[in-house]
PDB file of all heavy atoms in Angstrom:
ATOM      1  N   HIS A   1      31.591 225.529  81.555  1.00  0.00           N
ATOM      2  CA  HIS A   1      30.492 226.132  82.423  1.00  0.00           C
ATOM      3  C   HIS A   1      30.912 225.824  83.874  1.00  0.00           C
ATOM      4  O   HIS A   1      30.091 225.441  84.733  1.00  0.00           O
ATOM      5  CB  HIS A   1      29.224 225.595  82.220  1.00  0.00           C
ATOM      6  CG  HIS A   1      28.681 226.125  80.893  1.00  0.00           C
ATOM      7  ND1 HIS A   1      27.357 225.938  80.462  1.00  0.00           N
ATOM      8  CD2 HIS A   1      29.260 226.737  79.890  1.00  0.00           C
ATOM      9  CE1 HIS A   1      27.179 226.469  79.268  1.00  0.00           C
ATOM     10  NE2 HIS A   1      28.324 226.906  78.901  1.00  0.00           N
ATOM     11  N   ASP A   2      32.222 225.983  84.280  1.00  0.00           N
ATOM     12  CA  ASP A   2      32.665 225.787  85.597  1.00  0.00           C
ATOM     13  C   ASP A   2      32.382 227.119  86.437  1.00  0.00           C
ATOM     14  O   ASP A   2      33.115 228.101  86.238  1.00  0.00           O
ATOM     15  CB  ASP A   2      34.155 225.474  85.657  1.00  0.00           C
ATOM     16  CG  ASP A   2      34.681 225.131  87.036  1.00  0.00           C
ATOM     17  OD1 ASP A   2      33.883 225.261  87.983  1.00  0.00           O
ATOM     18  OD2 ASP A   2      35.886 224.949  87.183  1.00  0.00           O
ATOM     19  N   PHE A   3      31.342 227.123  87.203  1.00  0.00           N
ATOM     20  CA  PHE A   3      30.961 228.336  87.931  1.00  0.00           C
ATOM     21  C   PHE A   3      31.628 228.696  89.176  1.00  0.00           C
ATOM     22  O   PHE A   3      31.295 229.657  89.861  1.00  0.00           O
ATOM     23  CB  PHE A   3      29.368 228.337  88.059  1.00  0.00           C
ATOM     24  CG  PHE A   3      28.616 228.296  86.835  1.00  0.00           C
ATOM     25  CD1 PHE A   3      27.752 227.304  86.573  1.00  0.00           C
ATOM     26  CD2 PHE A   3      28.701 229.359  85.927  1.00  0.00           C
ATOM     27  CE1 PHE A   3      26.926 227.244  85.411  1.00  0.00           C
ATOM     28  CE2 PHE A   3      27.934 229.236  84.730  1.00  0.00           C
ATOM     29  CZ  PHE A   3      27.129 228.321  84.452  1.00  0.00           C
ATOM     30  N   HIS A   4      32.576 227.717  89.675  1.00  0.00           N
ATOM     31  CA  HIS A   4      32.989 227.807  90.965  1.00  0.00           C
ATOM     32  C   HIS A   4      33.869 229.040  91.220  1.00  0.00           C
ATOM     33  O   HIS A   4      34.072 229.530  92.334  1.00  0.00           O
ATOM     34  CB  HIS A   4      33.786 226.541  91.403  1.00  0.00           C
ATOM     35  CG  HIS A   4      32.839 225.387  91.380  1.00  0.00           C
ATOM     36  ND1 HIS A   4      31.835 225.167  92.444  1.00  0.00           N
ATOM     37  CD2 HIS A   4      32.723 224.322  90.642  1.00  0.00           C
ATOM     38  CE1 HIS A   4      31.246 224.050  92.259  1.00  0.00           C
ATOM     39  NE2 HIS A   4      31.717 223.515  91.202  1.00  0.00           N
ATOM     40  N   GLY A   5      34.369 229.645  90.140  1.00  0.00           N
ATOM     41  CA  GLY A   5      35.154 230.845  90.237  1.00  0.00           C
ATOM     42  C   GLY A   5      34.249 232.114  90.283  1.00  0.00           C
ATOM     43  O   GLY A   5      34.749 233.212  90.498  1.00  0.00           O
ATOM     44  N   VAL A   6      32.953 231.906  90.015  1.00  0.00           N
ATOM     45  CA  VAL A   6      32.074 233.025  89.918  1.00  0.00           C
ATOM     46  C   VAL A   6      31.325 233.164  91.321  1.00  0.00           C
ATOM     47  O   VAL A   6      30.653 232.264  91.826  1.00  0.00           O
ATOM     48  CB  VAL A   6      30.977 232.849  88.783  1.00  0.00           C
ATOM     49  CG1 VAL A   6      30.012 234.043  88.908  1.00  0.00           C
ATOM     50  CG2 VAL A   6      31.657 232.676  87.560  1.00  0.00           C
ATOM     51  N   ILE A   7      31.587 234.319  91.983  1.00  0.00           N
ATOM     52  CA  ILE A   7      30.929 234.553  93.268  1.00  0.00           C
ATOM     53  C   ILE A   7      29.388 234.911  93.200  1.00  0.00           C
ATOM     54  O   ILE A   7      28.540 234.303  93.898  1.00  0.00           O
ATOM     55  CB  ILE A   7      31.636 235.651  94.001  1.00  0.00           C
ATOM     56  CG1 ILE A   7      33.140 235.251  94.204  1.00  0.00           C
ATOM     57  CG2 ILE A   7      31.017 235.948  95.314  1.00  0.00           C
ATOM     58  CD1 ILE A   7      34.031 236.364  94.767  1.00  0.00           C
ATOM     59  N   ASN A   8      29.068 235.822  92.270  1.00  0.00           N
ATOM     60  CA  ASN A   8      27.696 236.233  92.034  1.00  0.00           C
ATOM     61  C   ASN A   8      27.220 235.974  90.616  1.00  0.00           C
ATOM     62  O   ASN A   8      28.076 236.056  89.724  1.00  0.00           O
ATOM     63  CB  ASN A   8      27.560 237.763  92.392  1.00  0.00           C
ATOM     64  CG  ASN A   8      27.939 238.077  93.819  1.00  0.00           C
ATOM     65  OD1 ASN A   8      27.453 237.530  94.758  1.00  0.00           O
ATOM     66  ND2 ASN A   8      28.966 239.056  93.986  1.00  0.00           N
ATOM     67  N   THR A   9      26.003 235.702  90.562  1.00  0.00           N
ATOM     68  CA  THR A   9      25.420 235.453  89.169  1.00  0.00           C
ATOM     69  C   THR A   9      25.700 236.715  88.320  1.00  0.00           C
ATOM     70  O   THR A   9      25.950 236.587  87.153  1.00  0.00           O
ATOM     71  CB  THR A   9      23.886 235.278  89.347  1.00  0.00           C
ATOM     72  OG1 THR A   9      23.677 234.104  90.156  1.00  0.00           O
ATOM     73  CG2 THR A   9      23.307 234.984  87.939  1.00  0.00           C
ATOM     74  N   GLU A  10      25.678 237.894  88.944  1.00  0.00           N
ATOM     75  CA  GLU A  10      25.828 239.057  88.193  1.00  0.00           C
ATOM     76  C   GLU A  10      27.268 239.263  87.588  1.00  0.00           C
ATOM     77  O   GLU A  10      27.554 240.071  86.687  1.00  0.00           O
ATOM     78  CB  GLU A  10      25.495 240.349  88.947  1.00  0.00           C
ATOM     79  CG  GLU A  10      24.108 240.497  89.301  1.00  0.00           C
ATOM     80  CD  GLU A  10      23.614 239.552  90.331  1.00  0.00           C
ATOM     81  OE1 GLU A  10      24.442 238.884  91.142  1.00  0.00           O
ATOM     82  OE2 GLU A  10      22.356 239.133  90.397  1.00  0.00           O
ATOM     83  N   ASP A  11      28.158 238.431  88.083  1.00  0.00           N
ATOM     84  CA  ASP A  11      29.585 238.534  87.551  1.00  0.00           C
ATOM     85  C   ASP A  11      29.747 237.819  86.271  1.00  0.00           C
ATOM     86  O   ASP A  11      30.844 237.974  85.601  1.00  0.00           O
ATOM     87  CB  ASP A  11      30.523 237.726  88.690  1.00  0.00           C
ATOM     88  CG  ASP A  11      30.662 238.481  89.951  1.00  0.00           C
ATOM     89  OD1 ASP A  11      30.302 239.702  89.959  1.00  0.00           O
ATOM     90  OD2 ASP A  11      30.936 237.880  91.006  1.00  0.00           O
ATOM     91  N   ILE A  12      28.750 237.086  85.815  1.00  0.00           N
ATOM     92  CA  ILE A  12      28.848 236.517  84.483  1.00  0.00           C
ATOM     93  C   ILE A  12      28.671 237.604  83.334  1.00  0.00           C
ATOM     94  O   ILE A  12      27.537 238.222  83.360  1.00  0.00           O
ATOM     95  CB  ILE A  12      27.821 235.408  84.295  1.00  0.00           C
ATOM     96  CG1 ILE A  12      28.005 234.290  85.327  1.00  0.00           C
ATOM     97  CG2 ILE A  12      27.740 234.798  82.927  1.00  0.00           C
ATOM     98  CD1 ILE A  12      26.885 233.222  85.357  1.00  0.00           C
ATOM     99  N   VAL A  13      29.686 237.763  82.608  1.00  0.00           N
ATOM    100  CA  VAL A  13      29.670 238.923  81.698  1.00  0.00           C
ATOM    101  C   VAL A  13      28.787 238.660  80.468  1.00  0.00           C
ATOM    102  O   VAL A  13      27.964 239.495  80.121  1.00  0.00           O
ATOM    103  CB  VAL A  13      31.166 239.242  81.231  1.00  0.00           C
ATOM    104  CG1 VAL A  13      31.001 240.411  80.201  1.00  0.00           C
ATOM    105  CG2 VAL A  13      32.026 239.591  82.410  1.00  0.00           C
ATOM    106  N   TYR A  14      28.997 237.502  79.876  1.00  0.00           N
ATOM    107  CA  TYR A  14      28.223 237.040  78.785  1.00  0.00           C
ATOM    108  C   TYR A  14      27.315 235.898  79.296  1.00  0.00           C
ATOM    109  O   TYR A  14      27.747 234.754  79.445  1.00  0.00           O
ATOM    110  CB  TYR A  14      29.046 236.600  77.598  1.00  0.00           C
ATOM    111  CG  TYR A  14      29.963 237.682  77.122  1.00  0.00           C
ATOM    112  CD1 TYR A  14      31.372 237.768  77.415  1.00  0.00           C
ATOM    113  CD2 TYR A  14      29.348 238.800  76.382  1.00  0.00           C
ATOM    114  CE1 TYR A  14      32.151 238.766  76.860  1.00  0.00           C
ATOM    115  CE2 TYR A  14      30.219 239.828  75.957  1.00  0.00           C
ATOM    116  CZ  TYR A  14      31.537 239.780  76.121  1.00  0.00           C
ATOM    117  OH  TYR A  14      32.327 240.869  75.711  1.00  0.00           O
ATOM    118  N   GLY A  15      25.959 236.202  79.248  1.00  0.00           N
ATOM    119  CA  GLY A  15      25.043 235.251  80.041  1.00  0.00           C
ATOM    120  C   GLY A  15      24.481 234.169  79.155  1.00  0.00           C
ATOM    121  O   GLY A  15      23.735 233.244  79.747  1.00  0.00           O
ATOM    122  N   TYR A  16      24.599 234.121  77.856  1.00  0.00           N
ATOM    123  CA  TYR A  16      23.807 233.196  77.048  1.00  0.00           C
ATOM    124  C   TYR A  16      24.928 232.263  76.227  1.00  0.00           C
ATOM    125  O   TYR A  16      25.562 232.811  75.476  1.00  0.00           O
ATOM    126  CB  TYR A  16      22.922 233.856  76.081  1.00  0.00           C
ATOM    127  CG  TYR A  16      21.823 234.618  76.780  1.00  0.00           C
ATOM    128  CD1 TYR A  16      21.962 236.025  76.969  1.00  0.00           C
ATOM    129  CD2 TYR A  16      20.720 234.050  77.180  1.00  0.00           C
ATOM    130  CE1 TYR A  16      21.030 236.704  77.675  1.00  0.00           C
ATOM    131  CE2 TYR A  16      19.727 234.776  77.912  1.00  0.00           C
ATOM    132  CZ  TYR A  16      19.880 236.079  78.177  1.00  0.00           C
ATOM    133  OH  TYR A  16      18.935 236.842  78.800  1.00  0.00           O
ATOM    134  N   CYS A  17      24.838 230.950  76.577  1.00  0.00           N
ATOM    135  CA  CYS A  17      25.657 229.958  75.821  1.00  0.00           C
ATOM    136  C   CYS A  17      24.822 229.710  74.503  1.00  0.00           C
ATOM    137  O   CYS A  17      23.737 229.235  74.558  1.00  0.00           O
ATOM    138  CB  CYS A  17      25.716 228.773  76.651  1.00  0.00           C
ATOM    139  SG  CYS A  17      26.635 227.459  75.714  1.00  0.00           S
ATOM    140  N   THR A  18      25.481 230.086  73.371  1.00  0.00           N
ATOM    141  CA  THR A  18      24.718 230.165  72.169  1.00  0.00           C
ATOM    142  C   THR A  18      25.457 229.307  71.157  1.00  0.00           C
ATOM    143  O   THR A  18      26.602 229.425  70.942  1.00  0.00           O
ATOM    144  CB  THR A  18      24.614 231.614  71.565  1.00  0.00           C
ATOM    145  OG1 THR A  18      24.044 232.476  72.574  1.00  0.00           O
ATOM    146  CG2 THR A  18      23.925 231.702  70.275  1.00  0.00           C
ATOM    147  N   GLU A  19      24.687 228.441  70.467  1.00  0.00           N
ATOM    148  CA  GLU A  19      25.233 227.609  69.391  1.00  0.00           C
ATOM    149  C   GLU A  19      24.321 227.602  68.150  1.00  0.00           C
ATOM    150  O   GLU A  19      23.143 227.788  68.194  1.00  0.00           O
ATOM    151  CB  GLU A  19      25.286 226.136  69.944  1.00  0.00           C
ATOM    152  CG  GLU A  19      26.271 225.901  71.095  1.00  0.00           C
ATOM    153  CD  GLU A  19      26.344 224.407  71.451  1.00  0.00           C
ATOM    154  OE1 GLU A  19      25.737 223.648  70.798  1.00  0.00           O
ATOM    155  OE2 GLU A  19      26.986 224.143  72.455  1.00  0.00           O
ATOM    156  N   MET A  20      25.033 227.596  66.989  1.00  0.00           N
ATOM    157  CA  MET A  20      24.298 227.490  65.811  1.00  0.00           C
ATOM    158  C   MET A  20      25.007 226.698  64.684  1.00  0.00           C
ATOM    159  O   MET A  20      26.199 226.617  64.769  1.00  0.00           O
ATOM    160  CB  MET A  20      23.969 228.915  65.233  1.00  0.00           C
ATOM    161  CG  MET A  20      25.119 229.643  64.741  1.00  0.00           C
ATOM    162  SD  MET A  20      24.627 231.255  63.931  1.00  0.00           S
ATOM    163  CE  MET A  20      26.273 232.017  63.575  1.00  0.00           C
ATOM    164  N   MET A  21      24.247 226.130  63.838  1.00  0.00           N
ATOM    165  CA  MET A  21      24.872 225.628  62.630  1.00  0.00           C
ATOM    166  C   MET A  21      24.269 226.212  61.348  1.00  0.00           C
ATOM    167  O   MET A  21      23.131 226.472  61.330  1.00  0.00           O
ATOM    168  CB  MET A  21      24.614 224.015  62.600  1.00  0.00           C
ATOM    169  CG  MET A  21      25.403 223.217  63.622  1.00  0.00           C
ATOM    170  SD  MET A  21      24.946 221.483  63.549  1.00  0.00           S
ATOM    171  CE  MET A  21      25.674 221.057  61.916  1.00  0.00           C
ATOM    172  N   VAL A  22      25.120 226.634  60.519  1.00  0.00           N
ATOM    173  CA  VAL A  22      24.721 227.298  59.242  1.00  0.00           C
ATOM    174  C   VAL A  22      25.137 226.492  57.986  1.00  0.00           C
ATOM    175  O   VAL A  22      26.299 226.080  57.885  1.00  0.00           O
ATOM    176  CB  VAL A  22      25.308 228.778  59.103  1.00  0.00           C
ATOM    177  CG1 VAL A  22      24.886 229.432  57.987  1.00  0.00           C
ATOM    178  CG2 VAL A  22      25.094 229.522  60.322  1.00  0.00           C
ATOM    179  N   ARG A  23      24.145 226.153  57.174  1.00  0.00           N
ATOM    180  CA  ARG A  23      24.443 225.510  55.966  1.00  0.00           C
ATOM    181  C   ARG A  23      24.655 226.553  54.842  1.00  0.00           C
ATOM    182  O   ARG A  23      23.754 227.354  54.613  1.00  0.00           O
ATOM    183  CB  ARG A  23      23.283 224.572  55.515  1.00  0.00           C
ATOM    184  CG  ARG A  23      23.585 223.839  54.179  1.00  0.00           C
ATOM    185  CD  ARG A  23      22.317 223.023  53.718  1.00  0.00           C
ATOM    186  NE  ARG A  23      22.102 221.873  54.583  1.00  0.00           N
ATOM    187  CZ  ARG A  23      21.044 221.702  55.285  1.00  0.00           C
ATOM    188  NH1 ARG A  23      20.089 222.631  55.250  1.00  0.00           N
ATOM    189  NH2 ARG A  23      20.889 220.666  56.052  1.00  0.00           N
ATOM    190  N   PHE A  24      25.721 226.674  54.298  1.00  0.00           N
ATOM    191  CA  PHE A  24      26.117 227.632  53.272  1.00  0.00           C
ATOM    192  C   PHE A  24      25.215 227.678  52.129  1.00  0.00           C
ATOM    193  O   PHE A  24      24.866 226.502  51.568  1.00  0.00           O
ATOM    194  CB  PHE A  24      27.588 227.402  52.691  1.00  0.00           C
ATOM    195  CG  PHE A  24      28.583 227.567  53.831  1.00  0.00           C
ATOM    196  CD1 PHE A  24      29.656 226.597  53.809  1.00  0.00           C
ATOM    197  CD2 PHE A  24      28.578 228.493  54.844  1.00  0.00           C
ATOM    198  CE1 PHE A  24      30.565 226.644  54.972  1.00  0.00           C
ATOM    199  CE2 PHE A  24      29.517 228.540  55.798  1.00  0.00           C
ATOM    200  CZ  PHE A  24      30.484 227.608  55.902  1.00  0.00           C
ATOM    201  N   GLY A  25      24.749 228.778  51.654  1.00  0.00           N
ATOM    202  CA  GLY A  25      23.749 228.825  50.592  1.00  0.00           C
ATOM    203  C   GLY A  25      24.275 229.646  49.433  1.00  0.00           C
ATOM    204  O   GLY A  25      25.205 230.495  49.526  1.00  0.00           O
ATOM    205  N   LYS A  26      23.622 229.423  48.280  1.00  0.00           N
ATOM    206  CA  LYS A  26      23.982 230.197  47.018  1.00  0.00           C
ATOM    207  C   LYS A  26      23.494 231.604  47.168  1.00  0.00           C
ATOM    208  O   LYS A  26      22.541 231.919  47.949  1.00  0.00           O
ATOM    209  CB  LYS A  26      23.291 229.582  45.811  1.00  0.00           C
ATOM    210  CG  LYS A  26      23.846 228.141  45.488  1.00  0.00           C
ATOM    211  CD  LYS A  26      23.084 227.467  44.362  1.00  0.00           C
ATOM    212  CE  LYS A  26      23.697 226.176  44.051  1.00  0.00           C
ATOM    213  NZ  LYS A  26      23.006 225.433  42.916  1.00  0.00           N
ATOM    214  N   ASN A  27      24.109 232.543  46.510  1.00  0.00           N
ATOM    215  CA  ASN A  27      23.815 233.914  46.494  1.00  0.00           C
ATOM    216  C   ASN A  27      23.811 234.520  47.951  1.00  0.00           C
ATOM    217  O   ASN A  27      23.145 235.450  48.311  1.00  0.00           O
ATOM    218  CB  ASN A  27      22.309 234.195  45.954  1.00  0.00           C
ATOM    219  CG  ASN A  27      22.157 233.579  44.627  1.00  0.00           C
ATOM    220  OD1 ASN A  27      23.112 233.696  43.743  1.00  0.00           O
ATOM    221  ND2 ASN A  27      21.068 232.924  44.235  1.00  0.00           N
ATOM    222  N   LYS A  28      24.664 233.863  48.784  1.00  0.00           N
ATOM    223  CA  LYS A  28      24.943 234.330  50.158  1.00  0.00           C
ATOM    224  C   LYS A  28      26.399 234.854  50.280  1.00  0.00           C
ATOM    225  O   LYS A  28      27.219 234.704  49.394  1.00  0.00           O
ATOM    226  CB  LYS A  28      24.664 233.270  51.257  1.00  0.00           C
ATOM    227  CG  LYS A  28      23.124 232.916  51.300  1.00  0.00           C
ATOM    228  CD  LYS A  28      22.346 233.981  52.068  1.00  0.00           C
ATOM    229  CE  LYS A  28      20.960 233.590  52.339  1.00  0.00           C
ATOM    230  NZ  LYS A  28      20.224 234.637  53.223  1.00  0.00           N
ATOM    231  N   LYS A  29      26.736 235.465  51.352  1.00  0.00           N
ATOM    232  CA  LYS A  29      27.981 235.925  51.635  1.00  0.00           C
ATOM    233  C   LYS A  29      29.090 234.822  51.626  1.00  0.00           C
ATOM    234  O   LYS A  29      28.875 233.790  52.127  1.00  0.00           O
ATOM    235  CB  LYS A  29      28.069 236.687  53.032  1.00  0.00           C
ATOM    236  CG  LYS A  29      29.341 237.403  53.263  1.00  0.00           C
ATOM    237  CD  LYS A  29      29.283 238.157  54.652  1.00  0.00           C
ATOM    238  CE  LYS A  29      30.520 238.911  54.897  1.00  0.00           C
ATOM    239  NZ  LYS A  29      30.454 239.697  56.084  1.00  0.00           N
TER     240      LYS A  29
END
């Protein structure tokens, strides 16, 4: 998240830092 190369907030193409953990389940893909 080094923003110093970003001049404007609107220059951020993908705006949401997203994390998830998934526990594999039976009868799932």
